[in-house]
PDB file of N, CA and C in Angstrom:
ATOM      1  N   MET A   1       0.821  -1.197   0.000  1.00  0.00           N
ATOM      2  CA  MET A   1       0.000   0.000   0.000  1.00  0.00           C
ATOM      3  C   MET A   1       0.866   1.263   0.000  1.00  0.00           C
ATOM      4  N   VAL A   2       1.975   1.219   0.725  1.00  0.00           N
ATOM      5  CA  VAL A   2       2.863   2.381   0.781  1.00  0.00           C
ATOM      6  C   VAL A   2       3.445   2.670  -0.596  1.00  0.00           C
ATOM      7  N   ASP A   3       3.823   1.621  -1.316  1.00  0.00           N
ATOM      8  CA  ASP A   3       4.361   1.803  -2.661  1.00  0.00           C
ATOM      9  C   ASP A   3       3.336   2.440  -3.591  1.00  0.00           C
ATOM     10  N   GLU A   4       2.074   2.032  -3.445  1.00  0.00           N
ATOM     11  CA  GLU A   4       1.012   2.609  -4.267  1.00  0.00           C
ATOM     12  C   GLU A   4       0.840   4.094  -3.969  1.00  0.00           C
ATOM     13  N   LYS A   5       0.909   4.454  -2.672  1.00  0.00           N
ATOM     14  CA  LYS A   5       0.797   5.864  -2.304  1.00  0.00           C
ATOM     15  C   LYS A   5       1.961   6.666  -2.876  1.00  0.00           C
ATOM     16  N   ASN A   6       3.160   6.104  -2.825  1.00  0.00           N
ATOM     17  CA  ASN A   6       4.326   6.797  -3.380  1.00  0.00           C
ATOM     18  C   ASN A   6       4.175   7.005  -4.884  1.00  0.00           C
ATOM     19  N   GLU A   7       3.657   5.992  -5.571  1.00  0.00           N
ATOM     20  CA  GLU A   7       3.446   6.107  -7.013  1.00  0.00           C
ATOM     21  C   GLU A   7       2.393   7.171  -7.324  1.00  0.00           C
ATOM     22  N   ILE A   8       1.334   7.207  -6.521  1.00  0.00           N
ATOM     23  CA  ILE A   8       0.295   8.218  -6.723  1.00  0.00           C
ATOM     24  C   ILE A   8       0.853   9.603  -6.434  1.00  0.00           C
ATOM     25  N   ASP A   9       1.657   9.746  -5.376  1.00  0.00           N
ATOM     26  CA  ASP A   9       2.305  11.029  -5.074  1.00  0.00           C
ATOM     27  C   ASP A   9       3.165  11.483  -6.242  1.00  0.00           C
ATOM     28  N   LYS A  10       3.940  10.578  -6.787  1.00  0.00           N
ATOM     29  CA  LYS A  10       4.803  10.909  -7.926  1.00  0.00           C
ATOM     30  C   LYS A  10       3.970  11.324  -9.131  1.00  0.00           C
ATOM     31  N   LEU A  11       2.885  10.598  -9.372  1.00  0.00           N
ATOM     32  CA  LEU A  11       2.006  10.918 -10.488  1.00  0.00           C
ATOM     33  C   LEU A  11       1.392  12.305 -10.322  1.00  0.00           C
ATOM     34  N   ILE A  12       0.915  12.609  -9.124  1.00  0.00           N
ATOM     35  CA  ILE A  12       0.329  13.925  -8.868  1.00  0.00           C
ATOM     36  C   ILE A  12       1.373  15.022  -9.034  1.00  0.00           C
ATOM     37  N   ASP A  13       2.563  14.826  -8.495  1.00  0.00           N
ATOM     38  CA  ASP A  13       3.629  15.813  -8.646  1.00  0.00           C
ATOM     39  C   ASP A  13       3.967  16.026 -10.122  1.00  0.00           C
ATOM     40  N   ASN A  14       3.987  14.930 -10.877  1.00  0.00           N
ATOM     41  CA  ASN A  14       4.285  15.023 -12.302  1.00  0.00           C
ATOM     42  C   ASN A  14       3.177  15.768 -13.045  1.00  0.00           C
ATOM     43  N   MET A  15       1.937  15.515 -12.677  1.00  0.00           N
ATOM     44  CA  MET A  15       0.815  16.220 -13.303  1.00  0.00           C
ATOM     45  C   MET A  15       0.891  17.719 -13.039  1.00  0.00           C
ATOM     46  N   ILE A  16       1.257  18.087 -11.819  1.00  0.00           N
ATOM     47  CA  ILE A  16       1.362  19.507 -11.471  1.00  0.00           C
ATOM     48  C   ILE A  16       2.499  20.165 -12.239  1.00  0.00           C
ATOM     49  N   SER A  17       3.675  19.544 -12.242  1.00  0.00           N
ATOM     50  CA  SER A  17       4.820  20.162 -12.922  1.00  0.00           C
ATOM     51  C   SER A  17       4.622  20.194 -14.436  1.00  0.00           C
ATOM     52  N   SER A  18       4.019  19.166 -14.997  1.00  0.00           N
ATOM     53  CA  SER A  18       3.739  19.173 -16.435  1.00  0.00           C
ATOM     54  C   SER A  18       2.730  20.255 -16.783  1.00  0.00           C
ATOM     55  N   GLY A  19       1.725  20.408 -15.938  1.00  0.00           N
ATOM     56  CA  GLY A  19       0.738  21.466 -16.149  1.00  0.00           C
ATOM     57  C   GLY A  19       1.361  22.841 -16.061  1.00  0.00           C
ATOM     58  N   ASP A  20       2.264  23.022 -15.095  1.00  0.00           N
ATOM     59  CA  ASP A  20       2.971  24.309 -14.963  1.00  0.00           C
ATOM     60  C   ASP A  20       3.734  24.631 -16.241  1.00  0.00           C
ATOM     61  N   GLU A  21       4.434  23.638 -16.762  1.00  0.00           N
ATOM     62  CA  GLU A  21       5.227  23.834 -17.978  1.00  0.00           C
ATOM     63  C   GLU A  21       4.333  24.120 -19.183  1.00  0.00           C
ATOM     64  N   LEU A  22       3.237  23.382 -19.297  1.00  0.00           N
ATOM     65  CA  LEU A  22       2.302  23.593 -20.401  1.00  0.00           C
ATOM     66  C   LEU A  22       1.728  25.003 -20.360  1.00  0.00           C
ATOM     67  N   VAL A  23       1.281  25.425 -19.191  1.00  0.00           N
ATOM     68  CA  VAL A  23       0.709  26.768 -19.051  1.00  0.00           C
ATOM     69  C   VAL A  23       1.747  27.824 -19.404  1.00  0.00           C
ATOM     70  N   LYS A  24       2.958  27.645 -18.923  1.00  0.00           N
ATOM     71  CA  LYS A  24       4.028  28.611 -19.206  1.00  0.00           C
ATOM     72  C   LYS A  24       4.264  28.737 -20.714  1.00  0.00           C
ATOM     73  N   ASN A  25       4.298  27.602 -21.391  1.00  0.00           N
ATOM     74  CA  ASN A  25       4.549  27.629 -22.833  1.00  0.00           C
ATOM     75  C   ASN A  25       3.361  28.182 -23.618  1.00  0.00           C
ATOM     76  N   LEU A  26       2.156  27.812 -23.240  1.00  0.00           N
ATOM     77  CA  LEU A  26       0.985  28.270 -23.983  1.00  0.00           C
ATOM     78  C   LEU A  26       0.681  29.744 -23.758  1.00  0.00           C
ATOM     79  N   LYS A  27       1.064  30.266 -22.595  1.00  0.00           N
ATOM     80  CA  LYS A  27       0.818  31.688 -22.321  1.00  0.00           C
ATOM     81  C   LYS A  27       1.502  32.581 -23.348  1.00  0.00           C
ATOM     82  N   THR A  28       2.586  32.093 -23.917  1.00  0.00           N
ATOM     83  CA  THR A  28       3.330  32.923 -24.875  1.00  0.00           C
ATOM     84  C   THR A  28       2.660  32.986 -26.237  1.00  0.00           C
ATOM     85  N   VAL A  29       1.768  32.050 -26.543  1.00  0.00           N
ATOM     86  CA  VAL A  29       1.163  32.024 -27.875  1.00  0.00           C
ATOM     87  C   VAL A  29      -0.343  32.286 -27.866  1.00  0.00           C
ATOM     88  N   LEU A  30      -0.966  32.255 -26.709  1.00  0.00           N
ATOM     89  CA  LEU A  30      -2.408  32.472 -26.638  1.00  0.00           C
ATOM     90  C   LEU A  30      -2.738  33.933 -26.359  1.00  0.00           C
ATOM     91  N   PRO A  31      -3.907  34.375 -26.796  1.00  0.00           N
ATOM     92  CA  PRO A  31      -4.355  35.732 -26.419  1.00  0.00           C
ATOM     93  C   PRO A  31      -4.481  35.821 -24.893  1.00  0.00           C
ATOM     94  N   ASN A  32      -4.295  37.005 -24.369  1.00  0.00           N
ATOM     95  CA  ASN A  32      -4.299  37.203 -22.913  1.00  0.00           C
ATOM     96  C   ASN A  32      -5.547  36.673 -22.229  1.00  0.00           C
ATOM     97  N   SER A  33      -6.715  36.896 -22.815  1.00  0.00           N
ATOM     98  CA  SER A  33      -7.954  36.461 -22.165  1.00  0.00           C
ATOM     99  C   SER A  33      -8.002  34.935 -22.057  1.00  0.00           C
ATOM    100  N   VAL A  34      -7.565  34.250 -23.097  1.00  0.00           N
ATOM    101  CA  VAL A  34      -7.551  32.787 -23.060  1.00  0.00           C
ATOM    102  C   VAL A  34      -6.469  32.297 -22.099  1.00  0.00           C
ATOM    103  N   ALA A  35      -5.327  32.942 -22.110  1.00  0.00           N
ATOM    104  CA  ALA A  35      -4.226  32.559 -21.226  1.00  0.00           C
ATOM    105  C   ALA A  35      -4.632  32.710 -19.763  1.00  0.00           C
ATOM    106  N   GLU A  36      -5.331  33.794 -19.432  1.00  0.00           N
ATOM    107  CA  GLU A  36      -5.778  34.004 -18.058  1.00  0.00           C
ATOM    108  C   GLU A  36      -6.758  32.923 -17.623  1.00  0.00           C
ATOM    109  N   SER A  37      -7.659  32.547 -18.507  1.00  0.00           N
ATOM    110  CA  SER A  37      -8.613  31.479 -18.194  1.00  0.00           C
ATOM    111  C   SER A  37      -7.892  30.160 -17.985  1.00  0.00           C
ATOM    112  N   MET A  38      -6.902  29.900 -18.819  1.00  0.00           N
ATOM    113  CA  MET A  38      -6.138  28.667 -18.712  1.00  0.00           C
ATOM    114  C   MET A  38      -5.366  28.630 -17.395  1.00  0.00           C
ATOM    115  N   VAL A  39      -4.800  29.746 -17.005  1.00  0.00           N
ATOM    116  CA  VAL A  39      -4.058  29.822 -15.740  1.00  0.00           C
ATOM    117  C   VAL A  39      -4.996  29.547 -14.570  1.00  0.00           C
ATOM    118  N   MET A  40      -6.171  30.147 -14.578  1.00  0.00           N
ATOM    119  CA  MET A  40      -7.128  29.923 -13.496  1.00  0.00           C
ATOM    120  C   MET A  40      -7.574  28.466 -13.454  1.00  0.00           C
ATOM    121  N   PHE A  41      -7.809  27.869 -14.611  1.00  0.00           N
ATOM    122  CA  PHE A  41      -8.202  26.467 -14.672  1.00  0.00           C
ATOM    123  C   PHE A  41      -7.089  25.582 -14.116  1.00  0.00           C
ATOM    124  N   HIS A  42      -5.857  25.872 -14.492  1.00  0.00           N
ATOM    125  CA  HIS A  42      -4.718  25.087 -14.010  1.00  0.00           C
ATOM    126  C   HIS A  42      -4.556  25.242 -12.496  1.00  0.00           C
ATOM    127  N   GLU A  43      -4.695  26.448 -11.995  1.00  0.00           N
ATOM    128  CA  GLU A  43      -4.578  26.674 -10.551  1.00  0.00           C
ATOM    129  C   GLU A  43      -5.641  25.889  -9.789  1.00  0.00           C
ATOM    130  N   SER A  44      -6.830  25.831 -10.338  1.00  0.00           N
ATOM    131  CA  SER A  44      -7.898  25.051  -9.718  1.00  0.00           C
ATOM    132  C   SER A  44      -7.543  23.565  -9.715  1.00  0.00           C
ATOM    133  N   ASN A  45      -7.024  23.085 -10.825  1.00  0.00           N
ATOM    134  CA  ASN A  45      -6.604  21.685 -10.900  1.00  0.00           C
ATOM    135  C   ASN A  45      -5.499  21.374  -9.898  1.00  0.00           C
ATOM    136  N   VAL A  46      -4.552  22.268  -9.766  1.00  0.00           N
ATOM    137  CA  VAL A  46      -3.443  22.065  -8.823  1.00  0.00           C
ATOM    138  C   VAL A  46      -3.980  21.970  -7.402  1.00  0.00           C
ATOM    139  N   GLU A  47      -4.903  22.850  -7.045  1.00  0.00           N
ATOM    140  CA  GLU A  47      -5.484  22.805  -5.700  1.00  0.00           C
ATOM    141  C   GLU A  47      -6.199  21.477  -5.461  1.00  0.00           C
ATOM    142  N   ASN A  48      -6.938  21.027  -6.449  1.00  0.00           N
ATOM    143  CA  ASN A  48      -7.643  19.752  -6.310  1.00  0.00           C
ATOM    144  C   ASN A  48      -6.664  18.584  -6.201  1.00  0.00           C
ATOM    145  N   LEU A  49      -5.618  18.608  -6.992  1.00  0.00           N
ATOM    146  CA  LEU A  49      -4.615  17.543  -6.922  1.00  0.00           C
ATOM    147  C   LEU A  49      -3.925  17.531  -5.557  1.00  0.00           C
ATOM    148  N   LYS A  50      -3.653  18.702  -5.012  1.00  0.00           N
ATOM    149  CA  LYS A  50      -3.037  18.773  -3.688  1.00  0.00           C
ATOM    150  C   LYS A  50      -3.969  18.229  -2.607  1.00  0.00           C
ATOM    151  N   LYS A  51      -5.259  18.500  -2.746  1.00  0.00           N
ATOM    152  CA  LYS A  51      -6.234  17.978  -1.789  1.00  0.00           C
ATOM    153  C   LYS A  51      -6.294  16.452  -1.878  1.00  0.00           C
ATOM    154  N   ILE A  52      -6.250  15.926  -3.091  1.00  0.00           N
ATOM    155  CA  ILE A  52      -6.249  14.457  -3.266  1.00  0.00           C
ATOM    156  C   ILE A  52      -5.005  13.862  -2.637  1.00  0.00           C
ATOM    157  N   LYS A  53      -3.877  14.489  -2.892  1.00  0.00           N
ATOM    158  CA  LYS A  53      -2.609  13.986  -2.329  1.00  0.00           C
ATOM    159  C   LYS A  53      -2.657  14.021  -0.805  1.00  0.00           C
ATOM    160  N   GLU A  54      -3.173  15.111  -0.242  1.00  0.00           N
ATOM    161  CA  GLU A  54      -3.291  15.232   1.215  1.00  0.00           C
ATOM    162  C   GLU A  54      -4.214  14.152   1.781  1.00  0.00           C
ATOM    163  N   PHE A  55      -5.328  13.924   1.099  1.00  0.00           N
ATOM    164  CA  PHE A  55      -6.265  12.886   1.542  1.00  0.00           C
ATOM    165  C   PHE A  55      -5.629  11.508   1.530  1.00  0.00           C
ATOM    166  N   LEU A  56      -4.876  11.207   0.497  1.00  0.00           N
ATOM    167  CA  LEU A  56      -4.240   9.894   0.382  1.00  0.00           C
ATOM    168  C   LEU A  56      -3.141   9.686   1.412  1.00  0.00           C
ATOM    169  N   ASN A  57      -2.549  10.774   1.880  1.00  0.00           N
ATOM    170  CA  ASN A  57      -1.439  10.659   2.822  1.00  0.00           C
ATOM    171  C   ASN A  57      -1.882  10.713   4.288  1.00  0.00           C
ATOM    172  N   LYS A  58      -3.182  10.637   4.531  1.00  0.00           N
ATOM    173  CA  LYS A  58      -3.680  10.622   5.916  1.00  0.00           C
ATOM    174  C   LYS A  58      -3.402   9.281   6.554  1.00  0.00           C
TER     175      LYS A  58
END
């Protein structure tokens, strides 16, 4: 079970860092209004992923 939690933690961390990189790259080519929406959507996803990670580590 501990190994599964570690794998899920790694997956969540990877999802967050990949999302950060994607948002950073897309912000340079998207119009500001779309980029702002994408940033807010990503921030919401990051918060949810952190909550899932916290729940799993209880």
